[in-house]
Protein backbone atom coordinates (compact mmCIF):
# COMPACT_ATOMS: atom_id res chain seq x y z
CA UNK A 1 85.24 -9.34 40.10
CA UNK A 2 83.37 -9.31 36.82
CA UNK A 3 80.52 -11.68 35.94
CA UNK A 4 79.26 -11.08 32.41
CA UNK A 5 75.50 -11.30 31.93
CA UNK A 6 75.73 -12.68 28.37
CA UNK A 7 77.73 -15.79 29.33
CA UNK A 8 76.87 -19.05 31.06
CA UNK A 9 78.91 -20.59 33.87
CA UNK A 10 79.80 -23.89 35.53
CA UNK A 11 80.19 -24.68 39.22
CA UNK A 12 83.87 -25.41 38.50
CA UNK A 13 84.37 -21.78 37.35
CA UNK A 14 84.47 -22.07 33.57
CA UNK A 15 82.54 -19.63 31.37
CA UNK A 16 80.96 -20.65 28.09
CA UNK A 17 79.70 -18.75 25.10
CA UNK A 18 77.61 -20.66 22.57
CA UNK A 19 78.43 -19.84 18.94
CA UNK A 20 76.10 -21.88 16.70
CA UNK A 21 77.11 -25.54 17.14
CA UNK A 22 80.30 -24.55 18.98
CA UNK A 23 81.17 -23.28 22.40
CA UNK A 24 84.00 -20.93 23.40
CA UNK A 25 85.40 -21.75 26.85
CA UNK A 26 87.55 -19.97 29.40
CA UNK A 27 87.94 -19.54 33.14
CA UNK A 28 86.00 -16.90 35.04
CA UNK A 29 87.37 -13.71 36.48
CA UNK A 30 86.76 -15.19 39.94
CA UNK A 31 88.85 -18.28 39.07
CA UNK A 32 91.79 -16.32 37.69
CA UNK A 33 91.78 -14.06 40.77
CA UNK A 34 91.93 -17.12 43.04
CA UNK A 35 94.85 -18.59 41.06
CA UNK A 36 96.79 -15.29 40.98
CA UNK A 37 99.45 -14.87 38.27
CA UNK A 38 99.12 -17.56 35.61
CA UNK A 39 102.56 -18.44 34.23
CA UNK A 40 101.87 -21.50 32.05
CA UNK A 41 98.98 -22.99 30.09
CA UNK A 42 98.97 -26.59 28.85
CA UNK A 43 96.52 -26.35 25.94
CA UNK A 44 94.57 -29.34 24.61
CA UNK A 45 95.13 -30.70 21.11
CA UNK A 46 92.82 -29.66 18.28
CA UNK A 47 90.78 -32.70 17.25
CA UNK A 48 90.74 -34.24 20.73
CA UNK A 49 87.37 -35.69 21.78
CA UNK A 50 86.25 -34.89 25.32
CA UNK A 51 83.39 -35.96 27.51
CA UNK A 52 81.74 -33.49 29.84
CA UNK A 53 83.91 -33.24 32.96
CA UNK A 54 87.14 -34.39 31.28
CA UNK A 55 90.25 -32.28 31.79
CA UNK A 56 90.34 -29.59 29.11
CA UNK A 57 93.66 -28.03 30.07
CA UNK A 58 95.99 -27.25 32.96
CA UNK A 59 96.79 -23.78 34.26
CA UNK A 60 99.88 -23.20 36.33
CA UNK A 61 100.13 -20.11 38.49
CA UNK A 62 102.74 -18.88 40.93
CA UNK A 63 100.45 -20.27 43.63
CA UNK A 64 99.10 -23.58 42.28
CA UNK A 65 98.34 -25.94 39.40
CA UNK A 66 94.66 -26.07 38.42
CA UNK A 67 92.71 -28.21 36.00
CA UNK A 68 90.08 -26.69 33.72
CA UNK A 69 87.25 -29.09 32.90
CA UNK A 70 85.26 -29.45 29.72
CA UNK A 71 81.72 -28.22 30.38
CA UNK A 72 80.35 -30.24 27.44
CA UNK A 73 81.10 -33.35 25.39
CA UNK A 74 82.56 -32.70 21.97
CA UNK A 75 85.62 -32.18 19.81
CA UNK A 76 88.15 -29.39 20.21
CA UNK A 77 88.18 -27.38 16.99
CA UNK A 78 90.30 -24.39 18.05
CA UNK A 79 92.70 -23.41 20.84
CA UNK A 80 94.02 -19.99 21.84
CA UNK A 81 97.69 -20.44 20.84
CA UNK A 82 98.55 -16.93 22.06
CA UNK A 83 98.30 -18.28 25.63
CA UNK A 84 101.46 -20.35 25.07
CA UNK A 85 103.58 -17.18 24.96
CA UNK A 86 101.25 -14.93 26.99
CA UNK A 87 99.46 -16.97 29.67
CA UNK A 88 98.85 -13.73 31.58
CA UNK A 89 96.08 -12.93 29.06
CA UNK A 90 93.86 -15.09 31.27
CA UNK A 91 94.55 -12.77 34.21
CA UNK A 92 94.27 -9.57 32.19
CA UNK A 93 91.28 -10.45 30.02
CA UNK A 94 89.63 -13.74 31.06
CA UNK A 95 86.48 -13.17 28.97
CA UNK A 96 88.11 -11.83 25.80
CA UNK A 97 91.79 -12.46 24.98
CA UNK A 98 92.07 -15.15 27.65
CA UNK A 99 89.66 -17.71 26.18
CA UNK A 100 91.11 -21.24 26.10
CA UNK A 101 89.37 -23.40 23.49
CA UNK A 102 86.41 -23.84 21.17
CA UNK A 103 84.53 -27.16 21.27
CA UNK A 104 82.12 -28.50 18.68
CA UNK A 105 79.17 -29.56 20.83
CA UNK A 106 78.15 -33.22 20.71
CA UNK A 107 75.10 -33.10 23.01
CA UNK A 108 73.10 -29.86 23.06
CA UNK A 109 71.15 -31.00 26.13
CA UNK A 110 74.22 -30.50 28.32
CA UNK A 111 73.83 -26.74 27.81
CA UNK A 112 70.77 -26.72 30.07
CA UNK A 113 72.96 -27.44 33.11
CA UNK A 114 74.85 -24.14 33.02
CA UNK A 115 74.34 -21.31 35.49
CA UNK A 116 73.33 -17.82 34.45
CA UNK A 117 75.20 -14.80 35.88
CA UNK A 118 72.95 -14.45 38.94
CA UNK A 119 73.11 -18.18 39.76
CA UNK A 120 76.89 -18.17 39.36
CA UNK A 121 77.23 -15.18 41.69
CA UNK A 122 75.17 -17.05 44.32
CA UNK A 123 77.36 -20.13 43.82
CA UNK A 124 80.50 -18.08 44.52
CA UNK A 125 78.93 -16.61 47.66
CA UNK A 126 78.01 -20.11 48.90
CA UNK A 127 81.64 -21.24 48.40
CA UNK A 128 82.90 -18.32 50.44
CA UNK A 129 80.54 -19.12 53.33
């Protein structure tokens, strides 16, 4: 299981990468491992406004259906359309080719609530206990 040091994380297993006033979002390596083979991704619409905690998208795997939550409030400005034909990119490359969406951040203060790599690793361990 890979946890990248240069990313931030949520307790609901999303990763975020801040890019100026925007944030790239995906699910963590840990999350995709738990879901197993992802076979379908229901992407959000570009232009959709979300509040922190709203459903960003739905991932369907051979094992389950899982919601991905927006880690910040803002507007979706880009989605990874390649996931429509190749949802397995999330399994194969969750931090690179498997990103889900880019959100234009509405409230920069929400960023302070993210976990760093070490905190996220401890969070995973506490879930396993």
